PDB file of all heavy atoms in Angstrom:
ATOM      1  N   LYS A   1       3.016  11.193   1.751  1.00  0.00           N
ATOM      2  CA  LYS A   1       1.681  11.459   2.269  1.00  0.00           C
ATOM      3  C   LYS A   1       0.870  12.250   1.246  1.00  0.00           C
ATOM      4  O   LYS A   1      -0.325  12.082   1.109  1.00  0.00           O
ATOM      5  CB  LYS A   1       1.740  12.182   3.602  1.00  0.00           C
ATOM      6  CG  LYS A   1       2.227  11.294   4.732  1.00  0.00           C
ATOM      7  CD  LYS A   1       2.363  12.034   6.042  1.00  0.00           C
ATOM      8  CE  LYS A   1       2.820  11.092   7.159  1.00  0.00           C
ATOM      9  NZ  LYS A   1       3.067  11.808   8.438  1.00  0.00           N
ATOM     10  N   ILE A   2       1.548  13.147   0.501  1.00  0.00           N
ATOM     11  CA  ILE A   2       0.870  13.896  -0.582  1.00  0.00           C
ATOM     12  C   ILE A   2       0.378  12.899  -1.626  1.00  0.00           C
ATOM     13  O   ILE A   2      -0.757  13.031  -2.113  1.00  0.00           O
ATOM     14  CB  ILE A   2       1.852  14.903  -1.221  1.00  0.00           C
ATOM     15  CG1 ILE A   2       2.151  16.057  -0.263  1.00  0.00           C
ATOM     16  CG2 ILE A   2       1.292  15.473  -2.514  1.00  0.00           C
ATOM     17  CD1 ILE A   2       3.262  16.972  -0.671  1.00  0.00           C
ATOM     18  N   LEU A   3       1.211  11.907  -1.962  1.00  0.00           N
ATOM     19  CA  LEU A   3       0.807  10.898  -2.987  1.00  0.00           C
ATOM     20  C   LEU A   3      -0.319  10.009  -2.488  1.00  0.00           C
ATOM     21  O   LEU A   3      -1.138   9.555  -3.280  1.00  0.00           O
ATOM     22  CB  LEU A   3       2.031  10.092  -3.364  1.00  0.00           C
ATOM     23  CG  LEU A   3       3.121  10.818  -4.146  1.00  0.00           C
ATOM     24  CD1 LEU A   3       4.343   9.912  -4.389  1.00  0.00           C
ATOM     25  CD2 LEU A   3       2.618  11.389  -5.460  1.00  0.00           C
ATOM     26  N   VAL A   4      -0.369   9.778  -1.181  1.00  0.00           N
ATOM     27  CA  VAL A   4      -1.507   9.001  -0.621  1.00  0.00           C
ATOM     28  C   VAL A   4      -2.795   9.801  -0.807  1.00  0.00           C
ATOM     29  O   VAL A   4      -3.843   9.292  -1.202  1.00  0.00           O
ATOM     30  CB  VAL A   4      -1.257   8.726   0.885  1.00  0.00           C
ATOM     31  CG1 VAL A   4      -2.520   8.122   1.513  1.00  0.00           C
ATOM     32  CG2 VAL A   4      -0.119   7.721   1.056  1.00  0.00           C
ATOM     33  N   GLU A   5      -2.724  11.141  -0.502  1.00  0.00           N
ATOM     34  CA  GLU A   5      -3.881  12.023  -0.677  1.00  0.00           C
ATOM     35  C   GLU A   5      -4.358  12.059  -2.112  1.00  0.00           C
ATOM     36  O   GLU A   5      -5.553  12.134  -2.380  1.00  0.00           O
ATOM     37  CB  GLU A   5      -3.557  13.454  -0.200  1.00  0.00           C
ATOM     38  CG  GLU A   5      -3.404  13.562   1.310  1.00  0.00           C
ATOM     39  CD  GLU A   5      -2.877  14.939   1.741  1.00  0.00           C
ATOM     40  OE1 GLU A   5      -2.816  15.837   0.841  1.00  0.00           O
ATOM     41  OE2 GLU A   5      -2.565  15.087   2.911  1.00  0.00           O
ATOM     42  N   GLU A   6      -3.409  11.967  -3.032  1.00  0.00           N
ATOM     43  CA  GLU A   6      -3.741  11.969  -4.475  1.00  0.00           C
ATOM     44  C   GLU A   6      -4.070  10.550  -4.978  1.00  0.00           C
ATOM     45  O   GLU A   6      -4.300  10.401  -6.195  1.00  0.00           O
ATOM     46  CB  GLU A   6      -2.547  12.549  -5.274  1.00  0.00           C
ATOM     47  CG  GLU A   6      -2.259  14.002  -5.003  1.00  0.00           C
ATOM     48  CD  GLU A   6      -1.051  14.508  -5.784  1.00  0.00           C
ATOM     49  OE1 GLU A   6      -0.395  13.678  -6.434  1.00  0.00           O
ATOM     50  OE2 GLU A   6      -0.813  15.716  -5.748  1.00  0.00           O
ATOM     51  N   LYS A   7      -4.080   9.605  -4.093  1.00  0.00           N
ATOM     52  CA  LYS A   7      -4.443   8.201  -4.383  1.00  0.00           C
ATOM     53  C   LYS A   7      -3.472   7.516  -5.387  1.00  0.00           C
ATOM     54  O   LYS A   7      -3.859   6.569  -6.077  1.00  0.00           O
ATOM     55  CB  LYS A   7      -5.910   8.107  -4.900  1.00  0.00           C
ATOM     56  CG  LYS A   7      -6.939   8.639  -3.900  1.00  0.00           C
ATOM     57  CD  LYS A   7      -8.333   8.223  -4.284  1.00  0.00           C
ATOM     58  CE  LYS A   7      -9.368   8.853  -3.352  1.00  0.00           C
ATOM     59  NZ  LYS A   7      -9.082   8.647  -1.920  1.00  0.00           N
ATOM     60  N   LYS A   8      -2.261   8.023  -5.397  1.00  0.00           N
ATOM     61  CA  LYS A   8      -1.221   7.361  -6.218  1.00  0.00           C
ATOM     62  C   LYS A   8      -0.495   6.316  -5.367  1.00  0.00           C
ATOM     63  O   LYS A   8       0.056   5.353  -5.878  1.00  0.00           O
ATOM     64  CB  LYS A   8      -0.233   8.383  -6.775  1.00  0.00           C
ATOM     65  CG  LYS A   8      -0.837   9.245  -7.886  1.00  0.00           C
ATOM     66  CD  LYS A   8       0.181  10.186  -8.460  1.00  0.00           C
ATOM     67  CE  LYS A   8      -0.363  10.881  -9.703  1.00  0.00           C
ATOM     68  NZ  LYS A   8      -1.530  11.746  -9.438  1.00  0.00           N
ATOM     69  N   LEU A   9      -0.471   6.522  -4.026  1.00  0.00           N
ATOM     70  CA  LEU A   9       0.032   5.532  -3.116  1.00  0.00           C
ATOM     71  C   LEU A   9      -1.062   5.162  -2.093  1.00  0.00           C
ATOM     72  O   LEU A   9      -1.985   5.920  -1.873  1.00  0.00           O
ATOM     73  CB  LEU A   9       1.232   6.073  -2.321  1.00  0.00           C
ATOM     74  CG  LEU A   9       2.524   6.435  -3.111  1.00  0.00           C
ATOM     75  CD1 LEU A   9       3.612   6.906  -2.117  1.00  0.00           C
ATOM     76  CD2 LEU A   9       3.044   5.286  -3.938  1.00  0.00           C
ATOM     77  N   SER A  10      -0.932   3.958  -1.542  1.00  0.00           N
ATOM     78  CA  SER A  10      -1.758   3.600  -0.397  1.00  0.00           C
ATOM     79  C   SER A  10      -0.839   3.394   0.805  1.00  0.00           C
ATOM     80  O   SER A  10       0.360   3.176   0.653  1.00  0.00           O
ATOM     81  CB  SER A  10      -2.577   2.349  -0.701  1.00  0.00           C
ATOM     82  OG  SER A  10      -1.757   1.257  -0.904  1.00  0.00           O
ATOM     83  N   TYR A  11      -1.395   3.408   1.986  1.00  0.00           N
ATOM     84  CA  TYR A  11      -0.612   3.259   3.221  1.00  0.00           C
ATOM     85  C   TYR A  11      -1.269   2.236   4.118  1.00  0.00           C
ATOM     86  O   TYR A  11      -2.438   2.335   4.443  1.00  0.00           O
ATOM     87  CB  TYR A  11      -0.485   4.573   3.960  1.00  0.00           C
ATOM     88  CG  TYR A  11       0.371   4.532   5.187  1.00  0.00           C
ATOM     89  CD1 TYR A  11       1.747   4.392   5.066  1.00  0.00           C
ATOM     90  CD2 TYR A  11      -0.193   4.680   6.446  1.00  0.00           C
ATOM     91  CE1 TYR A  11       2.575   4.357   6.176  1.00  0.00           C
ATOM     92  CE2 TYR A  11       0.626   4.636   7.580  1.00  0.00           C
ATOM     93  CZ  TYR A  11       1.991   4.464   7.437  1.00  0.00           C
ATOM     94  OH  TYR A  11       2.813   4.447   8.566  1.00  0.00           O
ATOM     95  N   LYS A  12      -0.498   1.193   4.445  1.00  0.00           N
ATOM     96  CA  LYS A  12      -1.048   0.101   5.310  1.00  0.00           C
ATOM     97  C   LYS A  12       0.110  -0.521   6.071  1.00  0.00           C
ATOM     98  O   LYS A  12       1.149  -0.825   5.516  1.00  0.00           O
ATOM     99  CB  LYS A  12      -1.723  -0.918   4.426  1.00  0.00           C
ATOM    100  CG  LYS A  12      -2.456  -2.018   5.208  1.00  0.00           C
ATOM    101  CD  LYS A  12      -3.128  -3.003   4.242  1.00  0.00           C
ATOM    102  CE  LYS A  12      -3.823  -4.095   5.039  1.00  0.00           C
ATOM    103  NZ  LYS A  12      -4.447  -5.117   4.128  1.00  0.00           N
ATOM    104  N   ASN A  13      -0.108  -0.771   7.357  1.00  0.00           N
ATOM    105  CA  ASN A  13       0.870  -1.432   8.231  1.00  0.00           C
ATOM    106  C   ASN A  13       2.260  -0.772   8.102  1.00  0.00           C
ATOM    107  O   ASN A  13       3.301  -1.457   8.007  1.00  0.00           O
ATOM    108  CB  ASN A  13       0.991  -2.888   7.906  1.00  0.00           C
ATOM    109  CG  ASN A  13      -0.334  -3.630   8.141  1.00  0.00           C
ATOM    110  OD1 ASN A  13      -1.092  -3.265   9.029  1.00  0.00           O
ATOM    111  ND2 ASN A  13      -0.622  -4.664   7.367  1.00  0.00           N
ATOM    112  N   GLU A  14       2.237   0.537   8.113  1.00  0.00           N
ATOM    113  CA  GLU A  14       3.467   1.349   8.109  1.00  0.00           C
ATOM    114  C   GLU A  14       4.316   1.173   6.863  1.00  0.00           C
ATOM    115  O   GLU A  14       5.537   1.309   6.885  1.00  0.00           O
ATOM    116  CB  GLU A  14       4.335   1.086   9.368  1.00  0.00           C
ATOM    117  CG  GLU A  14       3.565   1.392  10.647  1.00  0.00           C
ATOM    118  CD  GLU A  14       4.415   1.220  11.900  1.00  0.00           C
ATOM    119  OE1 GLU A  14       5.515   0.648  11.804  1.00  0.00           O
ATOM    120  OE2 GLU A  14       3.931   1.632  12.975  1.00  0.00           O
ATOM    121  N   ARG A  15       3.644   0.848   5.729  1.00  0.00           N
ATOM    122  CA  ARG A  15       4.308   0.730   4.444  1.00  0.00           C
ATOM    123  C   ARG A  15       3.505   1.479   3.400  1.00  0.00           C
ATOM    124  O   ARG A  15       2.261   1.546   3.483  1.00  0.00           O
ATOM    125  CB  ARG A  15       4.471  -0.717   3.960  1.00  0.00           C
ATOM    126  CG  ARG A  15       5.330  -1.581   4.849  1.00  0.00           C
ATOM    127  CD  ARG A  15       5.517  -2.952   4.269  1.00  0.00           C
ATOM    128  NE  ARG A  15       6.561  -2.989   3.273  1.00  0.00           N
ATOM    129  CZ  ARG A  15       7.808  -3.304   3.540  1.00  0.00           C
ATOM    130  NH1 ARG A  15       8.172  -3.569   4.808  1.00  0.00           N
ATOM    131  NH2 ARG A  15       8.743  -3.354   2.622  1.00  0.00           N
ATOM    132  N   PHE A  16       4.183   2.075   2.442  1.00  0.00           N
ATOM    133  CA  PHE A  16       3.567   2.744   1.297  1.00  0.00           C
ATOM    134  C   PHE A  16       3.557   1.789   0.099  1.00  0.00           C
ATOM    135  O   PHE A  16       4.595   1.142  -0.187  1.00  0.00           O
ATOM    136  CB  PHE A  16       4.303   4.039   0.952  1.00  0.00           C
ATOM    137  CG  PHE A  16       4.169   5.099   1.981  1.00  0.00           C
ATOM    138  CD1 PHE A  16       5.175   5.293   2.916  1.00  0.00           C
ATOM    139  CD2 PHE A  16       3.026   5.904   2.042  1.00  0.00           C
ATOM    140  CE1 PHE A  16       5.070   6.313   3.895  1.00  0.00           C
ATOM    141  CE2 PHE A  16       2.930   6.905   3.010  1.00  0.00           C
ATOM    142  CZ  PHE A  16       3.930   7.107   3.947  1.00  0.00           C
ATOM    143  N   TYR A  17       2.436   1.720  -0.598  1.00  0.00           N
ATOM    144  CA  TYR A  17       2.314   0.842  -1.769  1.00  0.00           C
ATOM    145  C   TYR A  17       1.878   1.635  -3.002  1.00  0.00           C
ATOM    146  O   TYR A  17       1.021   2.492  -2.946  1.00  0.00           O
ATOM    147  CB  TYR A  17       1.277  -0.248  -1.501  1.00  0.00           C
ATOM    148  CG  TYR A  17       1.667  -1.195  -0.350  1.00  0.00           C
ATOM    149  CD1 TYR A  17       1.208  -0.920   0.946  1.00  0.00           C
ATOM    150  CD2 TYR A  17       2.460  -2.299  -0.549  1.00  0.00           C
ATOM    151  CE1 TYR A  17       1.567  -1.752   1.998  1.00  0.00           C
ATOM    152  CE2 TYR A  17       2.827  -3.152   0.474  1.00  0.00           C
ATOM    153  CZ  TYR A  17       2.355  -2.879   1.761  1.00  0.00           C
ATOM    154  OH  TYR A  17       2.708  -3.677   2.783  1.00  0.00           O
ATOM    155  N   ASN A  18       2.543   1.320  -4.103  1.00  0.00           N
ATOM    156  CA  ASN A  18       2.210   2.012  -5.362  1.00  0.00           C
ATOM    157  C   ASN A  18       0.894   1.464  -5.915  1.00  0.00           C
ATOM    158  O   ASN A  18       0.657   0.252  -5.935  1.00  0.00           O
ATOM    159  CB  ASN A  18       3.379   1.755  -6.371  1.00  0.00           C
ATOM    160  CG  ASN A  18       3.226   2.546  -7.629  1.00  0.00           C
ATOM    161  OD1 ASN A  18       2.305   3.325  -7.793  1.00  0.00           O
ATOM    162  ND2 ASN A  18       4.175   2.392  -8.512  1.00  0.00           N
ATOM    163  N   GLN A  19       0.075   2.343  -6.411  1.00  0.00           N
ATOM    164  CA  GLN A  19      -1.211   1.972  -7.025  1.00  0.00           C
ATOM    165  C   GLN A  19      -1.185   1.849  -8.512  1.00  0.00           C
ATOM    166  O   GLN A  19      -2.120   1.365  -9.122  1.00  0.00           O
ATOM    167  CB  GLN A  19      -2.279   3.009  -6.587  1.00  0.00           C
ATOM    168  CG  GLN A  19      -2.500   3.133  -5.108  1.00  0.00           C
ATOM    169  CD  GLN A  19      -2.933   1.805  -4.460  1.00  0.00           C
ATOM    170  OE1 GLN A  19      -4.041   1.341  -4.683  1.00  0.00           O
ATOM    171  NE2 GLN A  19      -2.054   1.199  -3.690  1.00  0.00           N
ATOM    172  N   ASP A  20      -0.083   2.303  -9.147  1.00  0.00           N
ATOM    173  CA  ASP A  20       0.054   2.240 -10.585  1.00  0.00           C
ATOM    174  C   ASP A  20       1.529   2.077 -10.922  1.00  0.00           C
ATOM    175  O   ASP A  20       2.275   3.031 -10.935  1.00  0.00           O
ATOM    176  CB  ASP A  20      -0.516   3.508 -11.224  1.00  0.00           C
ATOM    177  CG  ASP A  20      -0.512   3.482 -12.762  1.00  0.00           C
ATOM    178  OD1 ASP A  20       0.068   2.516 -13.327  1.00  0.00           O
ATOM    179  OD2 ASP A  20      -1.056   4.398 -13.379  1.00  0.00           O
ATOM    180  N   TYR A  21       1.911   0.817 -11.229  1.00  0.00           N
ATOM    181  CA  TYR A  21       3.339   0.525 -11.449  1.00  0.00           C
ATOM    182  C   TYR A  21       3.855   1.266 -12.657  1.00  0.00           C
ATOM    183  O   TYR A  21       5.093   1.472 -12.744  1.00  0.00           O
ATOM    184  CB  TYR A  21       3.540  -0.961 -11.639  1.00  0.00           C
ATOM    185  CG  TYR A  21       3.189  -1.798 -10.404  1.00  0.00           C
ATOM    186  CD1 TYR A  21       2.476  -2.978 -10.512  1.00  0.00           C
ATOM    187  CD2 TYR A  21       3.583  -1.397  -9.128  1.00  0.00           C
ATOM    188  CE1 TYR A  21       2.175  -3.759  -9.385  1.00  0.00           C
ATOM    189  CE2 TYR A  21       3.315  -2.133  -8.023  1.00  0.00           C
ATOM    190  CZ  TYR A  21       2.589  -3.309  -8.153  1.00  0.00           C
ATOM    191  OH  TYR A  21       2.303  -4.046  -7.038  1.00  0.00           O
ATOM    192  N   LEU A  22       3.051   1.660 -13.586  1.00  0.00           N
ATOM    193  CA  LEU A  22       3.521   2.398 -14.735  1.00  0.00           C
ATOM    194  C   LEU A  22       4.010   3.793 -14.342  1.00  0.00           C
ATOM    195  O   LEU A  22       4.748   4.443 -15.122  1.00  0.00           O
ATOM    196  CB  LEU A  22       2.406   2.549 -15.796  1.00  0.00           C
ATOM    197  CG  LEU A  22       2.054   1.282 -16.545  1.00  0.00           C
ATOM    198  CD1 LEU A  22       0.826   1.456 -17.369  1.00  0.00           C
ATOM    199  CD2 LEU A  22       3.195   0.821 -17.437  1.00  0.00           C
ATOM    200  N   LEU A  23       3.674   4.243 -13.147  1.00  0.00           N
ATOM    201  CA  LEU A  23       4.152   5.545 -12.652  1.00  0.00           C
ATOM    202  C   LEU A  23       5.322   5.389 -11.696  1.00  0.00           C
ATOM    203  O   LEU A  23       5.699   6.341 -11.006  1.00  0.00           O
ATOM    204  CB  LEU A  23       2.995   6.278 -11.945  1.00  0.00           C
ATOM    205  CG  LEU A  23       1.822   6.747 -12.818  1.00  0.00           C
ATOM    206  CD1 LEU A  23       0.758   7.396 -11.919  1.00  0.00           C
ATOM    207  CD2 LEU A  23       2.293   7.765 -13.877  1.00  0.00           C
ATOM    208  N   SER A  24       5.849   4.180 -11.560  1.00  0.00           N
ATOM    209  CA  SER A  24       6.866   3.908 -10.507  1.00  0.00           C
ATOM    210  C   SER A  24       8.076   4.827 -10.638  1.00  0.00           C
ATOM    211  O   SER A  24       8.540   5.378  -9.604  1.00  0.00           O
ATOM    212  CB  SER A  24       7.288   2.467 -10.541  1.00  0.00           C
ATOM    213  OG  SER A  24       7.783   2.096 -11.817  1.00  0.00           O
ATOM    214  N   ASP A  25       8.616   5.020 -11.832  1.00  0.00           N
ATOM    215  CA  ASP A  25       9.784   5.878 -11.967  1.00  0.00           C
ATOM    216  C   ASP A  25       9.482   7.335 -11.546  1.00  0.00           C
ATOM    217  O   ASP A  25      10.272   7.951 -10.846  1.00  0.00           O
ATOM    218  CB  ASP A  25      10.286   5.860 -13.420  1.00  0.00           C
ATOM    219  CG  ASP A  25      10.916   4.575 -13.808  1.00  0.00           C
ATOM    220  OD1 ASP A  25      11.111   3.703 -12.922  1.00  0.00           O
ATOM    221  OD2 ASP A  25      11.200   4.373 -15.012  1.00  0.00           O
ATOM    222  N   GLU A  26       8.321   7.828 -11.990  1.00  0.00           N
ATOM    223  CA  GLU A  26       7.966   9.205 -11.649  1.00  0.00           C
ATOM    224  C   GLU A  26       7.771   9.383 -10.159  1.00  0.00           C
ATOM    225  O   GLU A  26       8.142  10.378  -9.531  1.00  0.00           O
ATOM    226  CB  GLU A  26       6.681   9.604 -12.400  1.00  0.00           C
ATOM    227  CG  GLU A  26       6.851   9.824 -13.890  1.00  0.00           C
ATOM    228  CD  GLU A  26       6.783   8.530 -14.674  1.00  0.00           C
ATOM    229  OE1 GLU A  26       6.746   7.445 -14.068  1.00  0.00           O
ATOM    230  OE2 GLU A  26       6.778   8.608 -15.937  1.00  0.00           O
ATOM    231  N   ILE A  27       7.164   8.339  -9.529  1.00  0.00           N
ATOM    232  CA  ILE A  27       6.920   8.423  -8.074  1.00  0.00           C
ATOM    233  C   ILE A  27       8.225   8.397  -7.286  1.00  0.00           C
ATOM    234  O   ILE A  27       8.413   9.193  -6.365  1.00  0.00           O
ATOM    235  CB  ILE A  27       6.015   7.231  -7.655  1.00  0.00           C
ATOM    236  CG1 ILE A  27       4.571   7.479  -8.100  1.00  0.00           C
ATOM    237  CG2 ILE A  27       6.056   6.992  -6.150  1.00  0.00           C
ATOM    238  CD1 ILE A  27       3.636   6.318  -7.913  1.00  0.00           C
ATOM    239  N   VAL A  28       9.157   7.555  -7.724  1.00  0.00           N
ATOM    240  CA  VAL A  28      10.458   7.513  -7.070  1.00  0.00           C
ATOM    241  C   VAL A  28      11.199   8.845  -7.175  1.00  0.00           C
ATOM    242  O   VAL A  28      11.741   9.365  -6.229  1.00  0.00           O
ATOM    243  CB  VAL A  28      11.322   6.359  -7.621  1.00  0.00           C
ATOM    244  CG1 VAL A  28      12.753   6.426  -7.072  1.00  0.00           C
ATOM    245  CG2 VAL A  28      10.711   5.028  -7.236  1.00  0.00           C
ATOM    246  N   LEU A  29      11.146   9.433  -8.369  1.00  0.00           N
ATOM    247  CA  LEU A  29      11.805  10.711  -8.612  1.00  0.00           C
ATOM    248  C   LEU A  29      11.185  11.822  -7.765  1.00  0.00           C
ATOM    249  O   LEU A  29      11.884  12.754  -7.273  1.00  0.00           O
ATOM    250  CB  LEU A  29      11.769  11.096 -10.072  1.00  0.00           C
ATOM    251  CG  LEU A  29      12.660  10.283 -11.008  1.00  0.00           C
ATOM    252  CD1 LEU A  29      12.380  10.599 -12.470  1.00  0.00           C
ATOM    253  CD2 LEU A  29      14.113  10.537 -10.663  1.00  0.00           C
ATOM    254  N   PHE A  30       9.900  11.739  -7.519  1.00  0.00           N
ATOM    255  CA  PHE A  30       9.204  12.713  -6.701  1.00  0.00           C
ATOM    256  C   PHE A  30       9.564  12.522  -5.222  1.00  0.00           C
ATOM    257  O   PHE A  30       9.744  13.472  -4.470  1.00  0.00           O
ATOM    258  CB  PHE A  30       7.663  12.635  -6.926  1.00  0.00           C
ATOM    259  CG  PHE A  30       6.885  13.562  -6.022  1.00  0.00           C
ATOM    260  CD1 PHE A  30       6.840  14.920  -6.302  1.00  0.00           C
ATOM    261  CD2 PHE A  30       6.227  13.096  -4.892  1.00  0.00           C
ATOM    262  CE1 PHE A  30       6.121  15.788  -5.486  1.00  0.00           C
ATOM    263  CE2 PHE A  30       5.505  13.941  -4.062  1.00  0.00           C
ATOM    264  CZ  PHE A  30       5.467  15.297  -4.356  1.00  0.00           C
ATOM    265  N   LEU A  31       9.620  11.270  -4.825  1.00  0.00           N
ATOM    266  CA  LEU A  31       9.842  10.930  -3.410  1.00  0.00           C
ATOM    267  C   LEU A  31      11.246  11.216  -2.922  1.00  0.00           C
ATOM    268  O   LEU A  31      11.435  11.782  -1.858  1.00  0.00           O
ATOM    269  CB  LEU A  31       9.553   9.439  -3.165  1.00  0.00           C
ATOM    270  CG  LEU A  31       8.137   8.981  -2.963  1.00  0.00           C
ATOM    271  CD1 LEU A  31       8.132   7.475  -2.665  1.00  0.00           C
ATOM    272  CD2 LEU A  31       7.511   9.705  -1.749  1.00  0.00           C
ATOM    273  N   VAL A  32      12.195  10.738  -3.659  1.00  0.00           N
ATOM    274  CA  VAL A  32      13.574  10.655  -3.140  1.00  0.00           C
ATOM    275  C   VAL A  32      14.278  12.016  -3.195  1.00  0.00           C
ATOM    276  O   VAL A  32      14.291  12.724  -4.226  1.00  0.00           O
ATOM    277  CB  VAL A  32      14.412   9.656  -3.973  1.00  0.00           C
ATOM    278  CG1 VAL A  32      15.835   9.591  -3.449  1.00  0.00           C
ATOM    279  CG2 VAL A  32      13.782   8.239  -3.803  1.00  0.00           C
ATOM    280  N   GLU A  33      14.845  12.373  -2.100  1.00  0.00           N
ATOM    281  CA  GLU A  33      15.622  13.601  -1.979  1.00  0.00           C
ATOM    282  C   GLU A  33      17.057  13.339  -2.476  1.00  0.00           C
ATOM    283  O   GLU A  33      17.786  12.608  -1.814  1.00  0.00           O
ATOM    284  CB  GLU A  33      15.656  14.094  -0.547  1.00  0.00           C
ATOM    285  CG  GLU A  33      16.288  15.447  -0.380  1.00  0.00           C
ATOM    286  CD  GLU A  33      16.259  15.904   1.086  1.00  0.00           C
ATOM    287  OE1 GLU A  33      15.855  15.105   1.962  1.00  0.00           O
ATOM    288  OE2 GLU A  33      16.650  17.056   1.329  1.00  0.00           O
TER     289      GLU A  33
END
């Protein structure tokens, strides 16, 4: 939800979508516990 607020992810139909695939690794590392 933080990444949605920062417009790095979008949220639709109960799914999160990446807005910049070049940041995919960084986003996963931030997300996953």
